[in-house]
Amino acid sequence: TIGGQPVDTTRNYRIATLDYLAQGNDGLTAFKAKTNVVSPQEEQYDIR
């Protein structure tokens, strides 16, 4: 569930994550189907 509701297969979900995972690494291959990607690569947007 997300926000107390079952995952709705008819809608889209916006997700925040690491660019490393967004590439489908660590076995999370579902991320390879991503769309509308926003991932600035300047140093100040490093996770740390």
ModelCIF file with pLDDT and N, C-alpha, C, O atoms, coordinates in Angstrom:
data_MODEL
#
_entry.id   MODEL 
#
_entity.id                         1 
_entity.type                       polymer 
_entity.pdbx_number_of_molecules   1 
#
_entity_poly.entity_id                      1 
_entity_poly.type                           'polypeptide(L)' 
_entity_poly.nstd_linkage                   no 
_entity_poly.nstd_monomer                   no 
_entity_poly.pdbx_seq_one_letter_code       TIGGQPVDTTRNYRIATLDYLAQGNDGLTAFKAKTNVVSPQEEQYDIR 
_entity_poly.pdbx_seq_one_letter_code_can   TIGGQPVDTTRNYRIATLDYLAQGNDGLTAFKAKTNVVSPQEEQYDIR 
_entity_poly.pdbx_strand_id                 A 
#
loop_
_entity_poly_seq.entity_id 
_entity_poly_seq.num 
_entity_poly_seq.mon_id 
_entity_poly_seq.hetero 
1 1  THR n 
1 2  ILE n 
1 3  GLY n 
1 4  GLY n 
1 5  GLN n 
1 6  PRO n 
1 7  VAL n 
1 8  ASP n 
1 9  THR n 
1 10 THR n 
1 11 ARG n 
1 12 ASN n 
1 13 TYR n 
1 14 ARG n 
1 15 ILE n 
1 16 ALA n 
1 17 THR n 
1 18 LEU n 
1 19 ASP n 
1 20 TYR n 
1 21 LEU n 
1 22 ALA n 
1 23 GLN n 
1 24 GLY n 
1 25 ASN n 
1 26 ASP n 
1 27 GLY n 
1 28 LEU n 
1 29 THR n 
1 30 ALA n 
1 31 PHE n 
1 32 LYS n 
1 33 ALA n 
1 34 LYS n 
1 35 THR n 
1 36 ASN n 
1 37 VAL n 
1 38 VAL n 
1 39 SER n 
1 40 PRO n 
1 41 GLN n 
1 42 GLU n 
1 43 GLU n 
1 44 GLN n 
1 45 TYR n 
1 46 ASP n 
1 47 ILE n 
1 48 ARG n 
#
_struct_asym.id          A 
_struct_asym.entity_id   1 
#
loop_
_ma_qa_metric.id 
_ma_qa_metric.mode 
_ma_qa_metric.name 
_ma_qa_metric.software_group_id 
_ma_qa_metric.type 
1 global pLDDT . pLDDT 
2 local  pLDDT . pLDDT 
#
_ma_qa_metric_global.metric_id      1 
_ma_qa_metric_global.metric_value   96.58 
_ma_qa_metric_global.model_id       1 
_ma_qa_metric_global.ordinal_id     1 
#
loop_
_ma_qa_metric_local.label_asym_id 
_ma_qa_metric_local.label_comp_id 
_ma_qa_metric_local.label_seq_id 
_ma_qa_metric_local.metric_id 
_ma_qa_metric_local.metric_value 
_ma_qa_metric_local.model_id 
_ma_qa_metric_local.ordinal_id 
A THR 1  2 98.00 1 1  
A ILE 2  2 98.00 1 2  
A GLY 3  2 96.00 1 3  
A GLY 4  2 96.00 1 4  
A GLN 5  2 97.00 1 5  
A PRO 6  2 97.00 1 6  
A VAL 7  2 97.00 1 7  
A ASP 8  2 97.00 1 8  
A THR 9  2 95.00 1 9  
A THR 10 2 95.00 1 10 
A ARG 11 2 96.00 1 11 
A ASN 12 2 98.00 1 12 
A TYR 13 2 98.00 1 13 
A ARG 14 2 98.00 1 14 
A ILE 15 2 98.00 1 15 
A ALA 16 2 98.00 1 16 
A THR 17 2 98.00 1 17 
A LEU 18 2 98.00 1 18 
A ASP 19 2 97.00 1 19 
A TYR 20 2 97.00 1 20 
A LEU 21 2 98.00 1 21 
A ALA 22 2 97.00 1 22 
A GLN 23 2 97.00 1 23 
A GLY 24 2 97.00 1 24 
A ASN 25 2 96.00 1 25 
A ASP 26 2 95.00 1 26 
A GLY 27 2 96.00 1 27 
A LEU 28 2 98.00 1 28 
A THR 29 2 98.00 1 29 
A ALA 30 2 98.00 1 30 
A PHE 31 2 98.00 1 31 
A LYS 32 2 98.00 1 32 
A ALA 33 2 98.00 1 33 
A LYS 34 2 98.00 1 34 
A THR 35 2 98.00 1 35 
A ASN 36 2 98.00 1 36 
A VAL 37 2 98.00 1 37 
A VAL 38 2 97.00 1 38 
A SER 39 2 96.00 1 39 
A PRO 40 2 94.00 1 40 
A GLN 41 2 93.00 1 41 
A GLU 42 2 93.00 1 42 
A GLU 43 2 91.00 1 43 
A GLN 44 2 91.00 1 44 
A TYR 45 2 94.00 1 45 
A ASP 46 2 96.00 1 46 
A ILE 47 2 97.00 1 47 
A ARG 48 2 96.00 1 48 
#
loop_
_atom_site.group_PDB 
_atom_site.id 
_atom_site.type_symbol 
_atom_site.label_atom_id 
_atom_site.label_alt_id 
_atom_site.label_comp_id 
_atom_site.label_asym_id 
_atom_site.label_entity_id 
_atom_site.label_seq_id 
_atom_site.pdbx_PDB_ins_code 
_atom_site.Cartn_x 
_atom_site.Cartn_y 
_atom_site.Cartn_z 
_atom_site.occupancy 
_atom_site.B_iso_or_equiv 
_atom_site.pdbx_formal_charge 
_atom_site.auth_seq_id 
_atom_site.auth_comp_id 
_atom_site.auth_asym_id 
_atom_site.auth_atom_id 
_atom_site.pdbx_PDB_model_num 
ATOM 1   N N  . THR A 1 1  ? 0.837  -1.192 0.000   1.00 98.00 ? 1  THR A N  1 
ATOM 2   C CA . THR A 1 1  ? 0.000  0.000  0.000   1.00 98.00 ? 1  THR A CA 1 
ATOM 3   C C  . THR A 1 1  ? 0.873  1.245  0.000   1.00 98.00 ? 1  THR A C  1 
ATOM 4   O O  . THR A 1 1  ? 1.997  1.230  0.503   1.00 98.00 ? 1  THR A O  1 
ATOM 5   N N  . ILE A 1 2  ? 0.343  2.323  -0.571  1.00 98.00 ? 2  ILE A N  1 
ATOM 6   C CA . ILE A 1 2  ? 1.004  3.631  -0.567  1.00 98.00 ? 2  ILE A CA 1 
ATOM 7   C C  . ILE A 1 2  ? -0.012 4.625  -0.019  1.00 98.00 ? 2  ILE A C  1 
ATOM 8   O O  . ILE A 1 2  ? -1.092 4.797  -0.585  1.00 98.00 ? 2  ILE A O  1 
ATOM 9   N N  . GLY A 1 3  ? 0.338  5.270  1.073   1.00 96.00 ? 3  GLY A N  1 
ATOM 10  C CA . GLY A 1 3  ? -0.606 6.196  1.694   1.00 96.00 ? 3  GLY A CA 1 
ATOM 11  C C  . GLY A 1 3  ? -1.877 5.523  2.156   1.00 96.00 ? 3  GLY A C  1 
ATOM 12  O O  . GLY A 1 3  ? -2.947 6.132  2.161   1.00 96.00 ? 3  GLY A O  1 
ATOM 13  N N  . GLY A 1 4  ? -1.761 4.265  2.545   1.00 96.00 ? 4  GLY A N  1 
ATOM 14  C CA . GLY A 1 4  ? -2.918 3.528  3.044   1.00 96.00 ? 4  GLY A CA 1 
ATOM 15  C C  . GLY A 1 4  ? -3.797 2.918  1.970   1.00 96.00 ? 4  GLY A C  1 
ATOM 16  O O  . GLY A 1 4  ? -4.798 2.272  2.279   1.00 96.00 ? 4  GLY A O  1 
ATOM 17  N N  . GLN A 1 5  ? -3.431 3.119  0.700   1.00 97.00 ? 5  GLN A N  1 
ATOM 18  C CA . GLN A 1 5  ? -4.234 2.600  -0.411  1.00 97.00 ? 5  GLN A CA 1 
ATOM 19  C C  . GLN A 1 5  ? -3.459 1.562  -1.209  1.00 97.00 ? 5  GLN A C  1 
ATOM 20  O O  . GLN A 1 5  ? -2.251 1.713  -1.396  1.00 97.00 ? 5  GLN A O  1 
ATOM 21  N N  . PRO A 1 6  ? -4.130 0.499  -1.690  1.00 97.00 ? 6  PRO A N  1 
ATOM 22  C CA . PRO A 1 6  ? -3.457 -0.473 -2.557  1.00 97.00 ? 6  PRO A CA 1 
ATOM 23  C C  . PRO A 1 6  ? -2.899 0.210  -3.793  1.00 97.00 ? 6  PRO A C  1 
ATOM 24  O O  . PRO A 1 6  ? -3.435 1.221  -4.247  1.00 97.00 ? 6  PRO A O  1 
ATOM 25  N N  . VAL A 1 7  ? -1.833 -0.338 -4.333  1.00 97.00 ? 7  VAL A N  1 
ATOM 26  C CA . VAL A 1 7  ? -1.240 0.226  -5.548  1.00 97.00 ? 7  VAL A CA 1 
ATOM 27  C C  . VAL A 1 7  ? -2.258 0.163  -6.682  1.00 97.00 ? 7  VAL A C  1 
ATOM 28  O O  . VAL A 1 7  ? -2.810 -0.899 -6.971  1.00 97.00 ? 7  VAL A O  1 
ATOM 29  N N  . ASP A 1 8  ? -2.501 1.293  -7.317  1.00 97.00 ? 8  ASP A N  1 
ATOM 30  C CA . ASP A 1 8  ? -3.480 1.421  -8.392  1.00 97.00 ? 8  ASP A CA 1 
ATOM 31  C C  . ASP A 1 8  ? -2.775 1.184  -9.730  1.00 97.00 ? 8  ASP A C  1 
ATOM 32  O O  . ASP A 1 8  ? -1.936 1.986  -10.141 1.00 97.00 ? 8  ASP A O  1 
ATOM 33  N N  . THR A 1 9  ? -3.107 0.108  -10.395 1.00 95.00 ? 9  THR A N  1 
ATOM 34  C CA . THR A 1 9  ? -2.432 -0.236 -11.656 1.00 95.00 ? 9  THR A CA 1 
ATOM 35  C C  . THR A 1 9  ? -2.849 0.663  -12.808 1.00 95.00 ? 9  THR A C  1 
ATOM 36  O O  . THR A 1 9  ? -2.260 0.587  -13.887 1.00 95.00 ? 9  THR A O  1 
ATOM 37  N N  . THR A 1 10 ? -3.861 1.521  -12.604 1.00 95.00 ? 10 THR A N  1 
ATOM 38  C CA . THR A 1 10 ? -4.332 2.390  -13.682 1.00 95.00 ? 10 THR A CA 1 
ATOM 39  C C  . THR A 1 10 ? -3.716 3.786  -13.628 1.00 95.00 ? 10 THR A C  1 
ATOM 40  O O  . THR A 1 10 ? -3.989 4.610  -14.502 1.00 95.00 ? 10 THR A O  1 
ATOM 41  N N  . ARG A 1 11 ? -2.893 4.066  -12.623 1.00 96.00 ? 11 ARG A N  1 
ATOM 42  C CA . ARG A 1 11 ? -2.321 5.407  -12.503 1.00 96.00 ? 11 ARG A CA 1 
ATOM 43  C C  . ARG A 1 11 ? -0.795 5.365  -12.521 1.00 96.00 ? 11 ARG A C  1 
ATOM 44  O O  . ARG A 1 11 ? -0.196 4.293  -12.446 1.00 96.00 ? 11 ARG A O  1 
ATOM 45  N N  . ASN A 1 12 ? -0.177 6.531  -12.620 1.00 98.00 ? 12 ASN A N  1 
ATOM 46  C CA . ASN A 1 12 ? 1.273  6.671  -12.571 1.00 98.00 ? 12 ASN A CA 1 
ATOM 47  C C  . ASN A 1 12 ? 1.705  7.170  -11.191 1.00 98.00 ? 12 ASN A C  1 
ATOM 48  O O  . ASN A 1 12 ? 0.958  7.873  -10.510 1.00 98.00 ? 12 ASN A O  1 
ATOM 49  N N  . TYR A 1 13 ? 2.914  6.799  -10.795 1.00 98.00 ? 13 TYR A N  1 
ATOM 50  C CA . TYR A 1 13 ? 3.453  7.207  -9.503  1.00 98.00 ? 13 TYR A CA 1 
ATOM 51  C C  . TYR A 1 13 ? 4.779  7.932  -9.715  1.00 98.00 ? 13 TYR A C  1 
ATOM 52  O O  . TYR A 1 13 ? 5.614  7.509  -10.515 1.00 98.00 ? 13 TYR A O  1 
ATOM 53  N N  . ARG A 1 14 ? 4.953  9.014  -8.997  1.00 98.00 ? 14 ARG A N  1 
ATOM 54  C CA . ARG A 1 14 ? 6.201  9.774  -9.039  1.00 98.00 ? 14 ARG A CA 1 
ATOM 55  C C  . ARG A 1 14 ? 7.085  9.296  -7.889  1.00 98.00 ? 14 ARG A C  1 
ATOM 56  O O  . ARG A 1 14 ? 6.629  9.188  -6.751  1.00 98.00 ? 14 ARG A O  1 
ATOM 57  N N  . ILE A 1 15 ? 8.343  9.013  -8.193  1.00 98.00 ? 15 ILE A N  1 
ATOM 58  C CA . ILE A 1 15 ? 9.243  8.393  -7.219  1.00 98.00 ? 15 ILE A CA 1 
ATOM 59  C C  . ILE A 1 15 ? 10.538 9.180  -7.131  1.00 98.00 ? 15 ILE A C  1 
ATOM 60  O O  . ILE A 1 15 ? 11.070 9.625  -8.148  1.00 98.00 ? 15 ILE A O  1 
ATOM 61  N N  . ALA A 1 16 ? 11.043 9.352  -5.923  1.00 98.00 ? 16 ALA A N  1 
ATOM 62  C CA . ALA A 1 16 ? 12.366 9.933  -5.694  1.00 98.00 ? 16 ALA A CA 1 
ATOM 63  C C  . ALA A 1 16 ? 13.324 8.804  -5.335  1.00 98.00 ? 16 ALA A C  1 
ATOM 64  O O  . ALA A 1 16 ? 13.003 7.954  -4.504  1.00 98.00 ? 16 ALA A O  1 
ATOM 65  N N  . THR A 1 17 ? 14.489 8.794  -5.953  1.00 98.00 ? 17 THR A N  1 
ATOM 66  C CA . THR A 1 17 ? 15.464 7.736  -5.688  1.00 98.00 ? 17 THR A CA 1 
ATOM 67  C C  . THR A 1 17 ? 16.860 8.217  -6.078  1.00 98.00 ? 17 THR A C  1 
ATOM 68  O O  . THR A 1 17 ? 17.067 9.408  -6.315  1.00 98.00 ? 17 THR A O  1 
ATOM 69  N N  . LEU A 1 18 ? 17.806 7.301  -6.145  1.00 98.00 ? 18 LEU A N  1 
ATOM 70  C CA . LEU A 1 18 ? 19.169 7.597  -6.587  1.00 98.00 ? 18 LEU A CA 1 
ATOM 71  C C  . LEU A 1 18 ? 19.286 7.290  -8.077  1.00 98.00 ? 18 LEU A C  1 
ATOM 72  O O  . LEU A 1 18 ? 18.639 6.368  -8.573  1.00 98.00 ? 18 LEU A O  1 
ATOM 73  N N  . ASP A 1 19 ? 20.109 8.060  -8.793  1.00 97.00 ? 19 ASP A N  1 
ATOM 74  C CA . ASP A 1 19 ? 20.275 7.775  -10.216 1.00 97.00 ? 19 ASP A CA 1 
ATOM 75  C C  . ASP A 1 19 ? 20.836 6.380  -10.446 1.00 97.00 ? 19 ASP A C  1 
ATOM 76  O O  . ASP A 1 19 ? 20.562 5.765  -11.476 1.00 97.00 ? 19 ASP A O  1 
ATOM 77  N N  . TYR A 1 20 ? 21.618 5.874  -9.499  1.00 97.00 ? 20 TYR A N  1 
ATOM 78  C CA . TYR A 1 20 ? 22.151 4.513  -9.603  1.00 97.00 ? 20 TYR A CA 1 
ATOM 79  C C  . TYR A 1 20 ? 21.026 3.490  -9.660  1.00 97.00 ? 20 TYR A C  1 
ATOM 80  O O  . TYR A 1 20 ? 21.071 2.569  -10.477 1.00 97.00 ? 20 TYR A O  1 
ATOM 81  N N  . LEU A 1 21 ? 20.023 3.637  -8.810  1.00 98.00 ? 21 LEU A N  1 
ATOM 82  C CA . LEU A 1 21 ? 18.893 2.718  -8.819  1.00 98.00 ? 21 LEU A CA 1 
ATOM 83  C C  . LEU A 1 21 ? 18.013 2.940  -10.037 1.00 98.00 ? 21 LEU A C  1 
ATOM 84  O O  . LEU A 1 21 ? 17.445 1.992  -10.579 1.00 98.00 ? 21 LEU A O  1 
ATOM 85  N N  . ALA A 1 22 ? 17.899 4.186  -10.468 1.00 97.00 ? 22 ALA A N  1 
ATOM 86  C CA . ALA A 1 22 ? 17.064 4.499  -11.628 1.00 97.00 ? 22 ALA A CA 1 
ATOM 87  C C  . ALA A 1 22 ? 17.527 3.775  -12.884 1.00 97.00 ? 22 ALA A C  1 
ATOM 88  O O  . ALA A 1 22 ? 16.753 3.596  -13.824 1.00 97.00 ? 22 ALA A O  1 
ATOM 89  N N  . GLN A 1 23 ? 18.788 3.359  -12.899 1.00 97.00 ? 23 GLN A N  1 
ATOM 90  C CA . GLN A 1 23 ? 19.325 2.611  -14.042 1.00 97.00 ? 23 GLN A CA 1 
ATOM 91  C C  . GLN A 1 23 ? 18.960 1.131  -13.986 1.00 97.00 ? 23 GLN A C  1 
ATOM 92  O O  . GLN A 1 23 ? 19.274 0.376  -14.907 1.00 97.00 ? 23 GLN A O  1 
ATOM 93  N N  . GLY A 1 24 ? 18.294 0.712  -12.903 1.00 97.00 ? 24 GLY A N  1 
ATOM 94  C CA . GLY A 1 24 ? 17.889 -0.686 -12.775 1.00 97.00 ? 24 GLY A CA 1 
ATOM 95  C C  . GLY A 1 24 ? 18.873 -1.542 -12.021 1.00 97.00 ? 24 GLY A C  1 
ATOM 96  O O  . GLY A 1 24 ? 18.813 -2.769 -12.095 1.00 97.00 ? 24 GLY A O  1 
ATOM 97  N N  . ASN A 1 25 ? 19.789 -0.910 -11.286 1.00 96.00 ? 25 ASN A N  1 
ATOM 98  C CA . ASN A 1 25 ? 20.806 -1.660 -10.544 1.00 96.00 ? 25 ASN A CA 1 
ATOM 99  C C  . ASN A 1 25 ? 20.249 -2.245 -9.247  1.00 96.00 ? 25 ASN A C  1 
ATOM 100 O O  . ASN A 1 25 ? 19.122 -1.949 -8.852  1.00 96.00 ? 25 ASN A O  1 
ATOM 101 N N  . ASP A 1 26 ? 21.047 -3.069 -8.600  1.00 95.00 ? 26 ASP A N  1 
ATOM 102 C CA . ASP A 1 26 ? 20.700 -3.739 -7.342  1.00 95.00 ? 26 ASP A CA 1 
ATOM 103 C C  . ASP A 1 26 ? 19.435 -4.580 -7.468  1.00 95.00 ? 26 ASP A C  1 
ATOM 104 O O  . ASP A 1 26 ? 18.684 -4.719 -6.503  1.00 95.00 ? 26 ASP A O  1 
ATOM 105 N N  . GLY A 1 27 ? 19.199 -5.136 -8.639  1.00 96.00 ? 27 GLY A N  1 
ATOM 106 C CA . GLY A 1 27 ? 18.066 -6.030 -8.843  1.00 96.00 ? 27 GLY A CA 1 
ATOM 107 C C  . GLY A 1 27 ? 16.731 -5.333 -8.987  1.00 96.00 ? 27 GLY A C  1 
ATOM 108 O O  . GLY A 1 27 ? 15.706 -6.006 -9.091  1.00 96.00 ? 27 GLY A O  1 
ATOM 109 N N  . LEU A 1 28 ? 16.702 -4.011 -8.997  1.00 98.00 ? 28 LEU A N  1 
ATOM 110 C CA . LEU A 1 28 ? 15.445 -3.266 -9.117  1.00 98.00 ? 28 LEU A CA 1 
ATOM 111 C C  . LEU A 1 28 ? 15.228 -2.876 -10.576 1.00 98.00 ? 28 LEU A C  1 
ATOM 112 O O  . LEU A 1 28 ? 15.267 -1.698 -10.933 1.00 98.00 ? 28 LEU A O  1 
ATOM 113 N N  . THR A 1 29 ? 14.998 -3.883 -11.407 1.00 98.00 ? 29 THR A N  1 
ATOM 114 C CA . THR A 1 29 ? 14.925 -3.673 -12.856 1.00 98.00 ? 29 THR A CA 1 
ATOM 115 C C  . THR A 1 29 ? 13.660 -2.949 -13.289 1.00 98.00 ? 29 THR A C  1 
ATOM 116 O O  . THR A 1 29 ? 13.599 -2.447 -14.412 1.00 98.00 ? 29 THR A O  1 
ATOM 117 N N  . ALA A 1 30 ? 12.646 -2.881 -12.429 1.00 98.00 ? 30 ALA A N  1 
ATOM 118 C CA . ALA A 1 30 ? 11.423 -2.160 -12.786 1.00 98.00 ? 30 ALA A CA 1 
ATOM 119 C C  . ALA A 1 30 ? 11.726 -0.704 -13.122 1.00 98.00 ? 30 ALA A C  1 
ATOM 120 O O  . ALA A 1 30 ? 11.008 -0.087 -13.909 1.00 98.00 ? 30 ALA A O  1 
ATOM 121 N N  . PHE A 1 31 ? 12.784 -0.149 -12.531 1.00 98.00 ? 31 PHE A N  1 
ATOM 122 C CA . PHE A 1 31 ? 13.138 1.246  -12.792 1.00 98.00 ? 31 PHE A CA 1 
ATOM 123 C C  . PHE A 1 31 ? 13.537 1.483  -14.243 1.00 98.00 ? 31 PHE A C  1 
ATOM 124 O O  . PHE A 1 31 ? 13.542 2.628  -14.693 1.00 98.00 ? 31 PHE A O  1 
ATOM 125 N N  . LYS A 1 32 ? 13.871 0.435  -14.985 1.00 98.00 ? 32 LYS A N  1 
ATOM 126 C CA . LYS A 1 32 ? 14.254 0.614  -16.381 1.00 98.00 ? 32 LYS A CA 1 
ATOM 127 C C  . LYS A 1 32 ? 13.084 1.101  -17.231 1.00 98.00 ? 32 LYS A C  1 
ATOM 128 O O  . LYS A 1 32 ? 13.286 1.604  -18.336 1.00 98.00 ? 32 LYS A O  1 
ATOM 129 N N  . ALA A 1 33 ? 11.861 0.955  -16.721 1.00 98.00 ? 33 ALA A N  1 
ATOM 130 C CA . ALA A 1 33 ? 10.671 1.396  -17.458 1.00 98.00 ? 33 ALA A CA 1 
ATOM 131 C C  . ALA A 1 33 ? 10.315 2.840  -17.111 1.00 98.00 ? 33 ALA A C  1 
ATOM 132 O O  . ALA A 1 33 ? 9.205  3.283  -17.407 1.00 98.00 ? 33 ALA A O  1 
ATOM 133 N N  . LYS A 1 34 ? 11.209 3.564  -16.505 1.00 98.00 ? 34 LYS A N  1 
ATOM 134 C CA . LYS A 1 34 ? 10.947 4.935  -16.038 1.00 98.00 ? 34 LYS A CA 1 
ATOM 135 C C  . LYS A 1 34 ? 10.653 5.894  -17.183 1.00 98.00 ? 34 LYS A C  1 
ATOM 136 O O  . LYS A 1 34 ? 11.121 5.709  -18.306 1.00 98.00 ? 34 LYS A O  1 
ATOM 137 N N  . THR A 1 35 ? 9.869  6.921  -16.873 1.00 98.00 ? 35 THR A N  1 
ATOM 138 C CA . THR A 1 35 ? 9.596  8.015  -17.805 1.00 98.00 ? 35 THR A CA 1 
ATOM 139 C C  . THR A 1 35 ? 9.715  9.333  -17.022 1.00 98.00 ? 35 THR A C  1 
ATOM 140 O O  . THR A 1 35 ? 9.793  9.337  -15.793 1.00 98.00 ? 35 THR A O  1 
ATOM 141 N N  . ASN A 1 36 ? 9.728  10.455 -17.770 1.00 98.00 ? 36 ASN A N  1 
ATOM 142 C CA . ASN A 1 36 ? 9.745  11.800 -17.166 1.00 98.00 ? 36 ASN A CA 1 
ATOM 143 C C  . ASN A 1 36 ? 10.842 11.931 -16.104 1.00 98.00 ? 36 ASN A C  1 
ATOM 144 O O  . ASN A 1 36 ? 10.579 12.308 -14.962 1.00 98.00 ? 36 ASN A O  1 
ATOM 145 N N  . VAL A 1 37 ? 12.057 11.615 -16.498 1.00 98.00 ? 37 VAL A N  1 
ATOM 146 C CA . VAL A 1 37 ? 13.180 11.607 -15.560 1.00 98.00 ? 37 VAL A CA 1 
ATOM 147 C C  . VAL A 1 37 ? 13.720 13.018 -15.342 1.00 98.00 ? 37 VAL A C  1 
ATOM 148 O O  . VAL A 1 37 ? 13.949 13.766 -16.293 1.00 98.00 ? 37 VAL A O  1 
ATOM 149 N N  . VAL A 1 38 ? 13.917 13.366 -14.072 1.00 97.00 ? 38 VAL A N  1 
ATOM 150 C CA . VAL A 1 38 ? 14.588 14.609 -13.685 1.00 97.00 ? 38 VAL A CA 1 
ATOM 151 C C  . VAL A 1 38 ? 15.732 14.220 -12.764 1.00 97.00 ? 38 VAL A C  1 
ATOM 152 O O  . VAL A 1 38 ? 15.501 13.748 -11.650 1.00 97.00 ? 38 VAL A O  1 
ATOM 153 N N  . SER A 1 39 ? 16.966 14.414 -13.221 1.00 96.00 ? 39 SER A N  1 
ATOM 154 C CA . SER A 1 39 ? 18.133 14.013 -12.432 1.00 96.00 ? 39 SER A CA 1 
ATOM 155 C C  . SER A 1 39 ? 19.314 14.924 -12.743 1.00 96.00 ? 39 SER A C  1 
ATOM 156 O O  . SER A 1 39 ? 20.189 14.546 -13.522 1.00 96.00 ? 39 SER A O  1 
ATOM 157 N N  . PRO A 1 40 ? 19.357 16.112 -12.153 1.00 94.00 ? 40 PRO A N  1 
ATOM 158 C CA . PRO A 1 40 ? 20.480 17.023 -12.398 1.00 94.00 ? 40 PRO A CA 1 
ATOM 159 C C  . PRO A 1 40 ? 21.785 16.428 -11.919 1.00 94.00 ? 40 PRO A C  1 
ATOM 160 O O  . PRO A 1 40 ? 21.845 15.852 -10.833 1.00 94.00 ? 40 PRO A O  1 
ATOM 161 N N  . GLN A 1 41 ? 22.830 16.561 -12.714 1.00 93.00 ? 41 GLN A N  1 
ATOM 162 C CA . GLN A 1 41 ? 24.103 15.904 -12.432 1.00 93.00 ? 41 GLN A CA 1 
ATOM 163 C C  . GLN A 1 41 ? 25.177 16.838 -11.878 1.00 93.00 ? 41 GLN A C  1 
ATOM 164 O O  . GLN A 1 41 ? 26.324 16.422 -11.716 1.00 93.00 ? 41 GLN A O  1 
ATOM 165 N N  . GLU A 1 42 ? 24.829 18.089 -11.586 1.00 93.00 ? 42 GLU A N  1 
ATOM 166 C CA . GLU A 1 42 ? 25.798 18.983 -10.971 1.00 93.00 ? 42 GLU A CA 1 
ATOM 167 C C  . GLU A 1 42 ? 26.156 18.476 -9.575  1.00 93.00 ? 42 GLU A C  1 
ATOM 168 O O  . GLU A 1 42 ? 25.374 17.775 -8.934  1.00 93.00 ? 42 GLU A O  1 
ATOM 169 N N  . GLU A 1 43 ? 27.349 18.842 -9.121  1.00 91.00 ? 43 GLU A N  1 
ATOM 170 C CA . GLU A 1 43 ? 27.866 18.313 -7.857  1.00 91.00 ? 43 GLU A CA 1 
ATOM 171 C C  . GLU A 1 43 ? 26.939 18.581 -6.679  1.00 91.00 ? 43 GLU A C  1 
ATOM 172 O O  . GLU A 1 43 ? 26.820 17.735 -5.793  1.00 91.00 ? 43 GLU A O  1 
ATOM 173 N N  . GLN A 1 44 ? 26.285 19.725 -6.647  1.00 91.00 ? 44 GLN A N  1 
ATOM 174 C CA . GLN A 1 44 ? 25.460 20.069 -5.490  1.00 91.00 ? 44 GLN A CA 1 
ATOM 175 C C  . GLN A 1 44 ? 24.230 19.180 -5.353  1.00 91.00 ? 44 GLN A C  1 
ATOM 176 O O  . GLN A 1 44 ? 23.546 19.213 -4.330  1.00 91.00 ? 44 GLN A O  1 
ATOM 177 N N  . TYR A 1 45 ? 23.948 18.384 -6.386  1.00 94.00 ? 45 TYR A N  1 
ATOM 178 C CA . TYR A 1 45 ? 22.804 17.482 -6.318  1.00 94.00 ? 45 TYR A CA 1 
ATOM 179 C C  . TYR A 1 45 ? 23.216 16.051 -5.984  1.00 94.00 ? 45 TYR A C  1 
ATOM 180 O O  . TYR A 1 45 ? 22.417 15.119 -6.085  1.00 94.00 ? 45 TYR A O  1 
ATOM 181 N N  . ASP A 1 46 ? 24.475 15.896 -5.584  1.00 96.00 ? 46 ASP A N  1 
ATOM 182 C CA . ASP A 1 46 ? 24.926 14.626 -5.044  1.00 96.00 ? 46 ASP A CA 1 
ATOM 183 C C  . ASP A 1 46 ? 24.133 14.345 -3.769  1.00 96.00 ? 46 ASP A C  1 
ATOM 184 O O  . ASP A 1 46 ? 23.830 15.261 -3.005  1.00 96.00 ? 46 ASP A O  1 
ATOM 185 N N  . ILE A 1 47 ? 23.799 13.074 -3.546  1.00 97.00 ? 47 ILE A N  1 
ATOM 186 C CA . ILE A 1 47 ? 22.963 12.702 -2.406  1.00 97.00 ? 47 ILE A CA 1 
ATOM 187 C C  . ILE A 1 47 ? 23.553 13.184 -1.088  1.00 97.00 ? 47 ILE A C  1 
ATOM 188 O O  . ILE A 1 47 ? 22.814 13.610 -0.199  1.00 97.00 ? 47 ILE A O  1 
ATOM 189 N N  . ARG A 1 48 ? 24.881 13.122 -0.949  1.00 96.00 ? 48 ARG A N  1 
ATOM 190 C CA . ARG A 1 48 ? 25.467 13.509 0.338   1.00 96.00 ? 48 ARG A CA 1 
ATOM 191 C C  . ARG A 1 48 ? 25.183 14.971 0.670   1.00 96.00 ? 48 ARG A C  1 
ATOM 192 O O  . ARG A 1 48 ? 25.604 15.459 1.719   1.00 96.00 ? 48 ARG A O  1 
#
